[in-house]
């Protein structure tokens, strides 16, 4: 199936440790954990969000 290559990942905020976002990534091209700078609604500021497992 074509969707087996893209998996759902959860992004957690580094400052408040809450899981705010769910996104998809290609597990073949992106082997390591992803990091994005996204808006945290609890902190009300853009913070670094890292992939959780």
PDB file of N, CA and C in Angstrom:
ATOM      1  N   UNK A   1       0.836  -1.185   0.000  1.00  0.00           N
ATOM      2  CA  UNK A   1       0.000   0.000   0.000  1.00  0.00           C
ATOM      3  C   UNK A   1       0.878   1.245   0.000  1.00  0.00           C
ATOM      4  N   UNK A   2       0.454   2.273  -0.682  1.00  0.00           N
ATOM      5  CA  UNK A   2       1.272   3.482  -0.828  1.00  0.00           C
ATOM      6  C   UNK A   2       1.397   4.260   0.471  1.00  0.00           C
ATOM      7  N   UNK A   3       0.418   4.169   1.356  1.00  0.00           N
ATOM      8  CA  UNK A   3       0.459   4.947   2.590  1.00  0.00           C
ATOM      9  C   UNK A   3       1.342   4.300   3.658  1.00  0.00           C
ATOM     10  N   UNK A   4       1.902   3.129   3.407  1.00  0.00           N
ATOM     11  CA  UNK A   4       2.788   2.481   4.379  1.00  0.00           C
ATOM     12  C   UNK A   4       4.109   3.222   4.527  1.00  0.00           C
ATOM     13  N   UNK A   5       4.487   4.000   3.543  1.00  0.00           N
ATOM     14  CA  UNK A   5       5.747   4.734   3.602  1.00  0.00           C
ATOM     15  C   UNK A   5       5.628   5.998   4.445  1.00  0.00           C
ATOM     16  N   UNK A   6       4.415   6.518   4.582  1.00  0.00           N
ATOM     17  CA  UNK A   6       4.199   7.725   5.384  1.00  0.00           C
ATOM     18  C   UNK A   6       3.528   7.319   6.690  1.00  0.00           C
ATOM     19  N   UNK A   7       4.147   7.694   7.795  1.00  0.00           N
ATOM     20  CA  UNK A   7       3.628   7.327   9.105  1.00  0.00           C
ATOM     21  C   UNK A   7       3.236   8.578   9.880  1.00  0.00           C
ATOM     22  N   UNK A   8       2.308   8.418  10.823  1.00  0.00           N
ATOM     23  CA  UNK A   8       1.902   9.520  11.685  1.00  0.00           C
ATOM     24  C   UNK A   8       2.894   9.669  12.816  1.00  0.00           C
ATOM     25  N   UNK A   9       3.279  10.901  13.115  1.00  0.00           N
ATOM     26  CA  UNK A   9       4.165  11.191  14.231  1.00  0.00           C
ATOM     27  C   UNK A   9       3.537  12.300  15.072  1.00  0.00           C
ATOM     28  N   UNK A  10       3.824  12.282  16.355  1.00  0.00           N
ATOM     29  CA  UNK A  10       3.324  13.287  17.283  1.00  0.00           C
ATOM     30  C   UNK A  10       4.457  14.210  17.662  1.00  0.00           C
ATOM     31  N   UNK A  11       4.185  15.515  17.652  1.00  0.00           N
ATOM     32  CA  UNK A  11       5.185  16.510  18.007  1.00  0.00           C
ATOM     33  C   UNK A  11       4.883  17.066  19.398  1.00  0.00           C
ATOM     34  N   UNK A  12       5.902  17.091  20.253  1.00  0.00           N
ATOM     35  CA  UNK A  12       5.752  17.593  21.611  1.00  0.00           C
ATOM     36  C   UNK A  12       6.590  18.850  21.795  1.00  0.00           C
ATOM     37  N   UNK A  13       6.041  19.793  22.537  1.00  0.00           N
ATOM     38  CA  UNK A  13       6.727  21.047  22.818  1.00  0.00           C
ATOM     39  C   UNK A  13       7.885  20.795  23.780  1.00  0.00           C
ATOM     40  N   UNK A  14       9.002  21.453  23.542  1.00  0.00           N
ATOM     41  CA  UNK A  14      10.180  21.268  24.391  1.00  0.00           C
ATOM     42  C   UNK A  14      10.069  22.020  25.712  1.00  0.00           C
ATOM     43  N   UNK A  15       9.322  23.098  25.753  1.00  0.00           N
ATOM     44  CA  UNK A  15       9.252  23.871  26.987  1.00  0.00           C
ATOM     45  C   UNK A  15       8.161  23.371  27.936  1.00  0.00           C
ATOM     46  N   UNK A  16       6.969  23.071  27.419  1.00  0.00           N
ATOM     47  CA  UNK A  16       5.887  22.624  28.312  1.00  0.00           C
ATOM     48  C   UNK A  16       5.657  21.115  28.264  1.00  0.00           C
ATOM     49  N   UNK A  17       6.325  20.406  27.343  1.00  0.00           N
ATOM     50  CA  UNK A  17       6.269  18.943  27.211  1.00  0.00           C
ATOM     51  C   UNK A  17       4.902  18.395  26.828  1.00  0.00           C
ATOM     52  N   UNK A  18       4.029  19.244  26.311  1.00  0.00           N
ATOM     53  CA  UNK A  18       2.718  18.770  25.879  1.00  0.00           C
ATOM     54  C   UNK A  18       2.761  18.392  24.418  1.00  0.00           C
ATOM     55  N   UNK A  19       1.941  17.410  24.060  1.00  0.00           N
ATOM     56  CA  UNK A  19       1.881  16.944  22.678  1.00  0.00           C
ATOM     57  C   UNK A  19       0.818  17.750  21.948  1.00  0.00           C
ATOM     58  N   UNK A  20       1.255  18.658  21.082  1.00  0.00           N
ATOM     59  CA  UNK A  20       0.356  19.616  20.454  1.00  0.00           C
ATOM     60  C   UNK A  20      -0.027  19.272  19.028  1.00  0.00           C
ATOM     61  N   UNK A  21       0.847  18.631  18.280  1.00  0.00           N
ATOM     62  CA  UNK A  21       0.625  18.441  16.851  1.00  0.00           C
ATOM     63  C   UNK A  21       0.791  16.983  16.458  1.00  0.00           C
ATOM     64  N   UNK A  22       0.024  16.595  15.419  1.00  0.00           N
ATOM     65  CA  UNK A  22       0.179  15.297  14.768  1.00  0.00           C
ATOM     66  C   UNK A  22       0.421  15.585  13.296  1.00  0.00           C
ATOM     67  N   UNK A  23       1.473  14.987  12.738  1.00  0.00           N
ATOM     68  CA  UNK A  23       1.805  15.195  11.337  1.00  0.00           C
ATOM     69  C   UNK A  23       2.252  13.862  10.744  1.00  0.00           C
ATOM     70  N   UNK A  24       2.559  13.869   9.470  1.00  0.00           N
ATOM     71  CA  UNK A  24       3.031  12.669   8.787  1.00  0.00           C
ATOM     72  C   UNK A  24       4.433  12.900   8.274  1.00  0.00           C
ATOM     73  N   UNK A  25       5.223  11.825   8.214  1.00  0.00           N
ATOM     74  CA  UNK A  25       6.544  11.907   7.621  1.00  0.00           C
ATOM     75  C   UNK A  25       6.815  10.649   6.832  1.00  0.00           C
ATOM     76  N   UNK A  26       7.710  10.771   5.877  1.00  0.00           N
ATOM     77  CA  UNK A  26       8.128   9.642   5.069  1.00  0.00           C
ATOM     78  C   UNK A  26       9.236   8.922   5.840  1.00  0.00           C
ATOM     79  N   UNK A  27       8.975   7.690   6.257  1.00  0.00           N
ATOM     80  CA  UNK A  27       9.957   6.989   7.095  1.00  0.00           C
ATOM     81  C   UNK A  27      11.168   6.496   6.311  1.00  0.00           C
ATOM     82  N   UNK A  28      11.094   6.488   4.990  1.00  0.00           N
ATOM     83  CA  UNK A  28      12.242   6.077   4.183  1.00  0.00           C
ATOM     84  C   UNK A  28      13.213   7.240   4.016  1.00  0.00           C
ATOM     85  N   UNK A  29      12.695   8.444   3.731  1.00  0.00           N
ATOM     86  CA  UNK A  29      13.558   9.601   3.510  1.00  0.00           C
ATOM     87  C   UNK A  29      14.002  10.256   4.814  1.00  0.00           C
ATOM     88  N   UNK A  30      13.160  10.250   5.830  1.00  0.00           N
ATOM     89  CA  UNK A  30      13.456  10.899   7.110  1.00  0.00           C
ATOM     90  C   UNK A  30      13.596   9.840   8.193  1.00  0.00           C
ATOM     91  N   UNK A  31      14.782   9.302   8.349  1.00  0.00           N
ATOM     92  CA  UNK A  31      15.008   8.230   9.308  1.00  0.00           C
ATOM     93  C   UNK A  31      15.085   8.748  10.747  1.00  0.00           C
ATOM     94  N   UNK A  32      15.689   9.924  10.933  1.00  0.00           N
ATOM     95  CA  UNK A  32      15.849  10.454  12.286  1.00  0.00           C
ATOM     96  C   UNK A  32      14.580  11.208  12.712  1.00  0.00           C
ATOM     97  N   UNK A  33      14.528  11.558  13.985  1.00  0.00           N
ATOM     98  CA  UNK A  33      13.366  12.277  14.510  1.00  0.00           C
ATOM     99  C   UNK A  33      13.340  13.703  13.970  1.00  0.00           C
ATOM    100  N   UNK A  34      12.139  14.176  13.663  1.00  0.00           N
ATOM    101  CA  UNK A  34      12.015  15.512  13.093  1.00  0.00           C
ATOM    102  C   UNK A  34      11.869  16.556  14.192  1.00  0.00           C
ATOM    103  N   UNK A  35      12.310  17.768  13.877  1.00  0.00           N
ATOM    104  CA  UNK A  35      12.187  18.908  14.781  1.00  0.00           C
ATOM    105  C   UNK A  35      11.631  20.070  13.973  1.00  0.00           C
ATOM    106  N   UNK A  36      10.620  20.733  14.524  1.00  0.00           N
ATOM    107  CA  UNK A  36      10.014  21.876  13.854  1.00  0.00           C
ATOM    108  C   UNK A  36       9.786  22.981  14.871  1.00  0.00           C
ATOM    109  N   UNK A  37       9.864  24.192  14.404  1.00  0.00           N
ATOM    110  CA  UNK A  37       9.527  25.323  15.248  1.00  0.00           C
ATOM    111  C   UNK A  37       8.069  25.657  14.970  1.00  0.00           C
ATOM    112  N   UNK A  38       7.191  25.426  15.967  1.00  0.00           N
ATOM    113  CA  UNK A  38       5.760  25.598  15.793  1.00  0.00           C
ATOM    114  C   UNK A  38       5.201  26.410  16.948  1.00  0.00           C
ATOM    115  N   UNK A  39       3.962  26.849  16.782  1.00  0.00           N
ATOM    116  CA  UNK A  39       3.306  27.664  17.800  1.00  0.00           C
ATOM    117  C   UNK A  39       2.738  26.770  18.895  1.00  0.00           C
ATOM    118  N   UNK A  40       3.054  27.101  20.148  1.00  0.00           N
ATOM    119  CA  UNK A  40       2.503  26.395  21.295  1.00  0.00           C
ATOM    120  C   UNK A  40       1.402  27.257  21.892  1.00  0.00           C
ATOM    121  N   UNK A  41       0.187  26.758  21.902  1.00  0.00           N
ATOM    122  CA  UNK A  41      -0.935  27.568  22.385  1.00  0.00           C
ATOM    123  C   UNK A  41      -0.939  27.713  23.896  1.00  0.00           C
ATOM    124  N   UNK A  42      -0.235  26.839  24.605  1.00  0.00           N
ATOM    125  CA  UNK A  42      -0.163  26.937  26.062  1.00  0.00           C
ATOM    126  C   UNK A  42       0.881  27.966  26.493  1.00  0.00           C
ATOM    127  N   UNK A  43       1.992  28.027  25.763  1.00  0.00           N
ATOM    128  CA  UNK A  43       3.042  28.999  26.052  1.00  0.00           C
ATOM    129  C   UNK A  43       2.795  30.332  25.346  1.00  0.00           C
ATOM    130  N   UNK A  44       1.959  30.310  24.298  1.00  0.00           N
ATOM    131  CA  UNK A  44       1.644  31.474  23.460  1.00  0.00           C
ATOM    132  C   UNK A  44       2.882  32.070  22.797  1.00  0.00           C
ATOM    133  N   UNK A  45       3.742  31.184  22.328  1.00  0.00           N
ATOM    134  CA  UNK A  45       4.961  31.602  21.645  1.00  0.00           C
ATOM    135  C   UNK A  45       5.412  30.453  20.743  1.00  0.00           C
ATOM    136  N   UNK A  46       6.220  30.755  19.725  1.00  0.00           N
ATOM    137  CA  UNK A  46       6.785  29.712  18.868  1.00  0.00           C
ATOM    138  C   UNK A  46       7.921  29.026  19.606  1.00  0.00           C
ATOM    139  N   UNK A  47       7.857  27.711  19.718  1.00  0.00           N
ATOM    140  CA  UNK A  47       8.885  26.927  20.397  1.00  0.00           C
ATOM    141  C   UNK A  47       9.292  25.747  19.527  1.00  0.00           C
ATOM    142  N   UNK A  48      10.344  25.085  19.920  1.00  0.00           N
ATOM    143  CA  UNK A  48      10.816  23.901  19.210  1.00  0.00           C
ATOM    144  C   UNK A  48       9.951  22.704  19.602  1.00  0.00           C
ATOM    145  N   UNK A  49       9.466  21.983  18.617  1.00  0.00           N
ATOM    146  CA  UNK A  49       8.678  20.772  18.825  1.00  0.00           C
ATOM    147  C   UNK A  49       9.446  19.600  18.249  1.00  0.00           C
ATOM    148  N   UNK A  50       9.571  18.529  19.025  1.00  0.00           N
ATOM    149  CA  UNK A  50      10.295  17.344  18.591  1.00  0.00           C
ATOM    150  C   UNK A  50       9.351  16.148  18.508  1.00  0.00           C
ATOM    151  N   UNK A  51       9.727  15.222  17.664  1.00  0.00           N
ATOM    152  CA  UNK A  51       8.945  14.010  17.476  1.00  0.00           C
ATOM    153  C   UNK A  51       9.034  13.110  18.697  1.00  0.00           C
ATOM    154  N   UNK A  52       7.888  12.580  19.128  1.00  0.00           N
ATOM    155  CA  UNK A  52       7.859  11.608  20.221  1.00  0.00           C
ATOM    156  C   UNK A  52       7.537  10.246  19.662  1.00  0.00           C
ATOM    157  N   UNK A  53       7.779   9.236  20.455  1.00  0.00           N
ATOM    158  CA  UNK A  53       7.488   7.875  19.997  1.00  0.00           C
ATOM    159  C   UNK A  53       6.435   7.233  20.856  1.00  0.00           C
TER     160      UNK A  53
END
